[in-house]
N, C-alpha and C. Protein backbone atom coordinates (compact mmCIF):
# COMPACT_ATOMS: atom_id res chain seq x y z
N MET A 1 -46.39 57.94 7.26
CA MET A 1 -46.44 57.73 5.88
C MET A 1 -47.51 56.61 5.57
N PHE A 2 -48.20 56.77 4.50
CA PHE A 2 -49.25 55.86 4.08
C PHE A 2 -48.79 55.02 2.95
N ASN A 3 -48.83 53.72 3.09
CA ASN A 3 -48.38 52.83 2.02
C ASN A 3 -49.57 51.89 1.64
N SER A 4 -50.02 52.04 0.42
CA SER A 4 -51.19 51.23 -0.01
C SER A 4 -50.78 50.33 -1.19
N LEU A 5 -51.25 49.11 -1.12
CA LEU A 5 -51.01 48.15 -2.19
C LEU A 5 -52.22 48.15 -3.20
N GLY A 6 -53.22 48.91 -2.94
CA GLY A 6 -54.41 48.90 -3.75
C GLY A 6 -54.15 49.75 -5.06
N THR A 7 -55.03 49.50 -6.03
CA THR A 7 -54.88 50.22 -7.26
C THR A 7 -56.07 51.20 -7.39
N VAL A 8 -55.80 52.42 -7.77
CA VAL A 8 -56.88 53.38 -7.89
C VAL A 8 -57.33 53.37 -9.38
N LEU A 9 -58.62 53.09 -9.50
CA LEU A 9 -59.17 53.03 -10.86
C LEU A 9 -59.86 54.32 -11.20
N ASP A 10 -59.71 54.69 -12.46
CA ASP A 10 -60.38 55.85 -12.99
C ASP A 10 -61.91 55.42 -13.17
N PRO A 11 -62.88 56.11 -12.43
CA PRO A 11 -64.28 55.71 -12.50
C PRO A 11 -64.80 55.67 -13.93
N LYS A 12 -64.28 56.59 -14.76
CA LYS A 12 -64.84 56.71 -16.14
C LYS A 12 -64.40 55.48 -16.97
N LYS A 13 -63.18 55.04 -16.70
CA LYS A 13 -62.65 53.87 -17.47
C LYS A 13 -63.16 52.56 -16.90
N SER A 14 -63.38 52.51 -15.59
CA SER A 14 -63.79 51.21 -14.94
C SER A 14 -65.19 50.88 -15.39
N LYS A 15 -65.99 51.82 -15.72
CA LYS A 15 -67.35 51.56 -16.17
C LYS A 15 -67.56 51.28 -17.65
N ALA A 16 -66.47 51.49 -18.35
CA ALA A 16 -66.49 51.27 -19.79
C ALA A 16 -66.75 49.81 -20.09
N LYS A 17 -67.65 49.59 -21.07
CA LYS A 17 -67.96 48.20 -21.43
C LYS A 17 -66.84 47.61 -22.33
N TYR A 18 -66.48 46.40 -22.03
CA TYR A 18 -65.48 45.66 -22.86
C TYR A 18 -66.03 45.50 -24.22
N PRO A 19 -65.30 45.69 -25.29
CA PRO A 19 -65.77 45.64 -26.65
C PRO A 19 -66.29 44.15 -26.94
N GLU A 20 -67.43 44.13 -27.66
CA GLU A 20 -68.05 42.88 -28.01
C GLU A 20 -67.94 42.64 -29.50
N ALA A 21 -68.09 41.39 -29.95
CA ALA A 21 -68.01 41.08 -31.37
C ALA A 21 -68.80 39.85 -31.66
N ARG A 22 -69.04 39.66 -32.97
CA ARG A 22 -69.78 38.48 -33.47
C ARG A 22 -68.83 37.68 -34.34
N VAL A 23 -68.99 36.33 -34.19
CA VAL A 23 -68.24 35.39 -35.07
C VAL A 23 -69.31 34.75 -36.01
N ILE A 24 -69.00 34.86 -37.31
CA ILE A 24 -70.06 34.43 -38.28
C ILE A 24 -69.38 33.45 -39.26
N PHE A 25 -70.04 32.33 -39.41
CA PHE A 25 -69.61 31.31 -40.46
C PHE A 25 -70.40 31.56 -41.73
N LEU A 26 -69.67 31.49 -42.87
CA LEU A 26 -70.30 31.65 -44.16
C LEU A 26 -70.42 30.34 -44.84
N ASP A 27 -71.58 30.13 -45.40
CA ASP A 27 -71.82 28.79 -46.06
C ASP A 27 -70.86 28.70 -47.22
N ASP A 28 -70.34 27.42 -47.48
CA ASP A 28 -69.48 27.13 -48.57
C ASP A 28 -69.84 25.85 -49.17
N ASN A 29 -69.19 25.44 -50.21
CA ASN A 29 -69.51 24.19 -50.96
C ASN A 29 -68.67 22.99 -50.46
N PHE A 30 -67.84 23.16 -49.48
CA PHE A 30 -66.94 22.09 -49.15
C PHE A 30 -66.93 21.62 -47.68
N ASN A 31 -67.48 22.43 -46.80
CA ASN A 31 -67.55 22.00 -45.35
C ASN A 31 -68.95 21.35 -45.12
N ILE A 32 -68.94 20.13 -44.62
CA ILE A 32 -70.17 19.47 -44.35
C ILE A 32 -70.70 19.88 -42.98
N PHE A 33 -71.98 19.71 -42.78
CA PHE A 33 -72.62 20.16 -41.51
C PHE A 33 -72.03 19.38 -40.36
N GLN A 34 -71.61 18.07 -40.46
CA GLN A 34 -71.04 17.32 -39.37
C GLN A 34 -69.76 17.93 -38.93
N HIS A 35 -68.92 18.33 -39.91
CA HIS A 35 -67.64 18.94 -39.57
C HIS A 35 -67.87 20.24 -38.81
N LEU A 36 -68.73 21.06 -39.28
CA LEU A 36 -69.01 22.34 -38.60
C LEU A 36 -69.56 22.09 -37.18
N ALA A 37 -70.47 21.14 -37.07
CA ALA A 37 -70.99 20.84 -35.70
C ALA A 37 -69.88 20.33 -34.79
N ASN A 38 -69.03 19.46 -35.30
CA ASN A 38 -67.90 18.93 -34.45
C ASN A 38 -67.01 20.10 -34.01
N CYS A 39 -66.70 21.00 -34.96
CA CYS A 39 -65.80 22.17 -34.60
C CYS A 39 -66.50 23.01 -33.54
N LEU A 40 -67.75 23.29 -33.72
CA LEU A 40 -68.47 24.14 -32.71
C LEU A 40 -68.37 23.52 -31.32
N LEU A 41 -68.64 22.25 -31.24
CA LEU A 41 -68.67 21.54 -30.00
C LEU A 41 -67.35 21.44 -29.35
N THR A 42 -66.34 21.35 -30.14
CA THR A 42 -64.88 21.28 -29.66
C THR A 42 -64.33 22.65 -29.19
N ILE A 43 -64.70 23.71 -29.95
CA ILE A 43 -64.05 25.00 -29.73
C ILE A 43 -64.79 25.92 -28.81
N ILE A 44 -66.13 25.92 -28.94
CA ILE A 44 -66.95 26.90 -28.08
C ILE A 44 -67.51 26.16 -26.89
N PRO A 45 -66.98 26.38 -25.68
CA PRO A 45 -67.32 25.63 -24.52
C PRO A 45 -68.82 25.57 -24.21
N SER A 46 -69.53 26.65 -24.44
CA SER A 46 -70.91 26.72 -24.02
C SER A 46 -71.90 26.13 -25.11
N MET A 47 -71.28 25.55 -26.15
CA MET A 47 -72.13 25.00 -27.27
C MET A 47 -72.70 23.66 -26.90
N SER A 48 -73.97 23.46 -27.16
CA SER A 48 -74.63 22.20 -27.00
C SER A 48 -74.87 21.56 -28.34
N ASP A 49 -75.10 20.22 -28.39
CA ASP A 49 -75.42 19.57 -29.63
C ASP A 49 -76.65 20.16 -30.35
N GLN A 50 -77.70 20.41 -29.51
CA GLN A 50 -78.91 20.96 -30.14
C GLN A 50 -78.64 22.31 -30.67
N ARG A 51 -77.97 23.19 -29.98
CA ARG A 51 -77.70 24.57 -30.45
C ARG A 51 -76.76 24.52 -31.70
N ALA A 52 -75.79 23.62 -31.70
CA ALA A 52 -74.92 23.55 -32.85
C ALA A 52 -75.70 23.21 -34.08
N TRP A 53 -76.62 22.20 -34.04
CA TRP A 53 -77.30 21.80 -35.21
C TRP A 53 -78.32 22.86 -35.63
N LYS A 54 -78.89 23.54 -34.69
CA LYS A 54 -79.81 24.66 -34.95
C LYS A 54 -79.12 25.79 -35.67
N LEU A 55 -77.92 26.12 -35.24
CA LEU A 55 -77.12 27.18 -35.81
C LEU A 55 -76.75 26.92 -37.32
N ILE A 56 -76.47 25.68 -37.57
CA ILE A 56 -76.01 25.38 -38.93
C ILE A 56 -77.00 25.17 -39.99
N LYS A 57 -78.25 25.29 -39.59
CA LYS A 57 -79.38 25.23 -40.55
C LYS A 57 -79.71 26.55 -41.10
N PHE A 58 -78.81 27.10 -41.92
CA PHE A 58 -78.90 28.47 -42.38
C PHE A 58 -78.93 28.51 -43.94
N ASP A 59 -79.41 27.50 -44.55
CA ASP A 59 -79.38 27.42 -46.04
C ASP A 59 -80.01 28.67 -46.72
N LYS A 60 -81.03 29.25 -46.18
CA LYS A 60 -81.65 30.40 -46.78
C LYS A 60 -80.84 31.66 -46.64
N GLU A 61 -80.08 31.77 -45.58
CA GLU A 61 -79.36 33.07 -45.37
C GLU A 61 -77.90 32.97 -45.80
N GLY A 62 -77.31 31.79 -45.80
CA GLY A 62 -75.93 31.70 -46.23
C GLY A 62 -74.89 31.94 -45.17
N SER A 63 -75.33 32.30 -44.00
CA SER A 63 -74.39 32.54 -42.84
C SER A 63 -75.05 32.22 -41.56
N ALA A 64 -74.27 32.10 -40.51
CA ALA A 64 -74.80 31.85 -39.15
C ALA A 64 -73.94 32.48 -38.12
N GLU A 65 -74.51 33.18 -37.18
CA GLU A 65 -73.78 33.71 -36.06
C GLU A 65 -73.46 32.60 -35.09
N LEU A 66 -72.21 32.31 -34.89
CA LEU A 66 -71.73 31.22 -34.07
C LEU A 66 -71.51 31.69 -32.62
N PHE A 67 -71.13 32.94 -32.43
CA PHE A 67 -70.77 33.39 -31.08
C PHE A 67 -70.94 34.90 -31.10
N ARG A 68 -71.49 35.39 -29.94
CA ARG A 68 -71.52 36.89 -29.73
C ARG A 68 -71.07 37.05 -28.27
N GLY A 69 -70.04 37.84 -28.09
CA GLY A 69 -69.55 38.06 -26.69
C GLY A 69 -68.29 38.96 -26.77
N ASN A 70 -67.45 38.85 -25.71
CA ASN A 70 -66.34 39.82 -25.67
C ASN A 70 -65.36 39.55 -26.82
N LEU A 71 -64.75 40.59 -27.21
CA LEU A 71 -63.91 40.65 -28.40
C LEU A 71 -62.74 39.62 -28.29
N GLU A 72 -62.12 39.53 -27.21
CA GLU A 72 -61.01 38.64 -27.03
C GLU A 72 -61.43 37.15 -27.23
N GLN A 73 -62.51 36.78 -26.66
CA GLN A 73 -63.05 35.42 -26.88
C GLN A 73 -63.43 35.18 -28.38
N ALA A 74 -64.05 36.23 -28.93
CA ALA A 74 -64.47 36.13 -30.35
C ALA A 74 -63.28 35.93 -31.25
N GLU A 75 -62.14 36.68 -31.00
CA GLU A 75 -61.00 36.46 -31.79
C GLU A 75 -60.42 35.10 -31.63
N LEU A 76 -60.44 34.58 -30.47
CA LEU A 76 -59.85 33.29 -30.23
C LEU A 76 -60.69 32.21 -30.99
N TYR A 77 -62.03 32.26 -30.82
CA TYR A 77 -62.88 31.29 -31.51
C TYR A 77 -62.80 31.43 -33.01
N HIS A 78 -62.72 32.63 -33.47
CA HIS A 78 -62.63 32.94 -34.95
C HIS A 78 -61.41 32.22 -35.48
N GLU A 79 -60.26 32.47 -34.81
CA GLU A 79 -58.98 31.91 -35.24
C GLU A 79 -59.02 30.38 -35.21
N GLN A 80 -59.55 29.79 -34.14
CA GLN A 80 -59.66 28.36 -34.06
C GLN A 80 -60.51 27.71 -35.12
N LEU A 81 -61.70 28.32 -35.36
CA LEU A 81 -62.62 27.86 -36.38
C LEU A 81 -62.02 27.91 -37.73
N PHE A 82 -61.33 29.06 -38.05
CA PHE A 82 -60.70 29.27 -39.29
C PHE A 82 -59.60 28.24 -39.49
N SER A 83 -58.87 27.85 -38.47
CA SER A 83 -57.77 26.93 -38.56
C SER A 83 -58.31 25.52 -38.88
N LYS A 84 -59.60 25.27 -38.58
CA LYS A 84 -60.21 23.96 -38.91
C LYS A 84 -60.74 23.94 -40.30
N GLY A 85 -60.53 25.01 -41.08
CA GLY A 85 -60.94 25.05 -42.52
C GLY A 85 -62.29 25.61 -42.72
N LEU A 86 -62.91 26.24 -41.69
CA LEU A 86 -64.29 26.81 -41.87
C LEU A 86 -64.08 28.23 -42.57
N THR A 87 -65.08 28.51 -43.35
CA THR A 87 -65.09 29.78 -44.05
C THR A 87 -65.78 30.78 -43.10
N MET A 88 -64.95 31.74 -42.62
CA MET A 88 -65.39 32.69 -41.63
C MET A 88 -65.51 34.08 -42.22
N ALA A 89 -66.49 34.87 -41.85
CA ALA A 89 -66.60 36.28 -42.15
C ALA A 89 -65.64 37.01 -41.17
N PRO A 90 -65.18 38.20 -41.60
CA PRO A 90 -64.39 38.94 -40.68
C PRO A 90 -65.13 39.16 -39.35
N ILE A 91 -64.46 39.29 -38.27
CA ILE A 91 -65.08 39.54 -36.99
C ILE A 91 -65.82 40.89 -37.03
N GLU A 92 -67.06 40.90 -36.62
CA GLU A 92 -67.86 42.15 -36.57
C GLU A 92 -67.94 42.61 -35.17
N LYS A 93 -67.34 43.82 -34.93
CA LYS A 93 -67.46 44.44 -33.58
C LYS A 93 -68.84 44.99 -33.42
N THR A 94 -69.39 44.78 -32.26
CA THR A 94 -70.75 45.29 -31.96
C THR A 94 -70.76 46.49 -31.02
């Protein structure tokens, strides 16, 4: 009798790409750039000071993409940024 502890993966499912999403901040009249930069640096681990300040210079467009990556991370970052009072667009699945 053969006893295996391994898991058999369906090749079609195992090659499927994990869903990705974008997290977007919308410009508003009450959040100051310093608060936004502090939130980005605290919540998104890969964020640098330079990148945070570059992202928030979006006066002409009115929005900035703060994160692009897997959906689960995007949902977490979106929720945390929203809880800090930031004006967030709905998560965009890519």
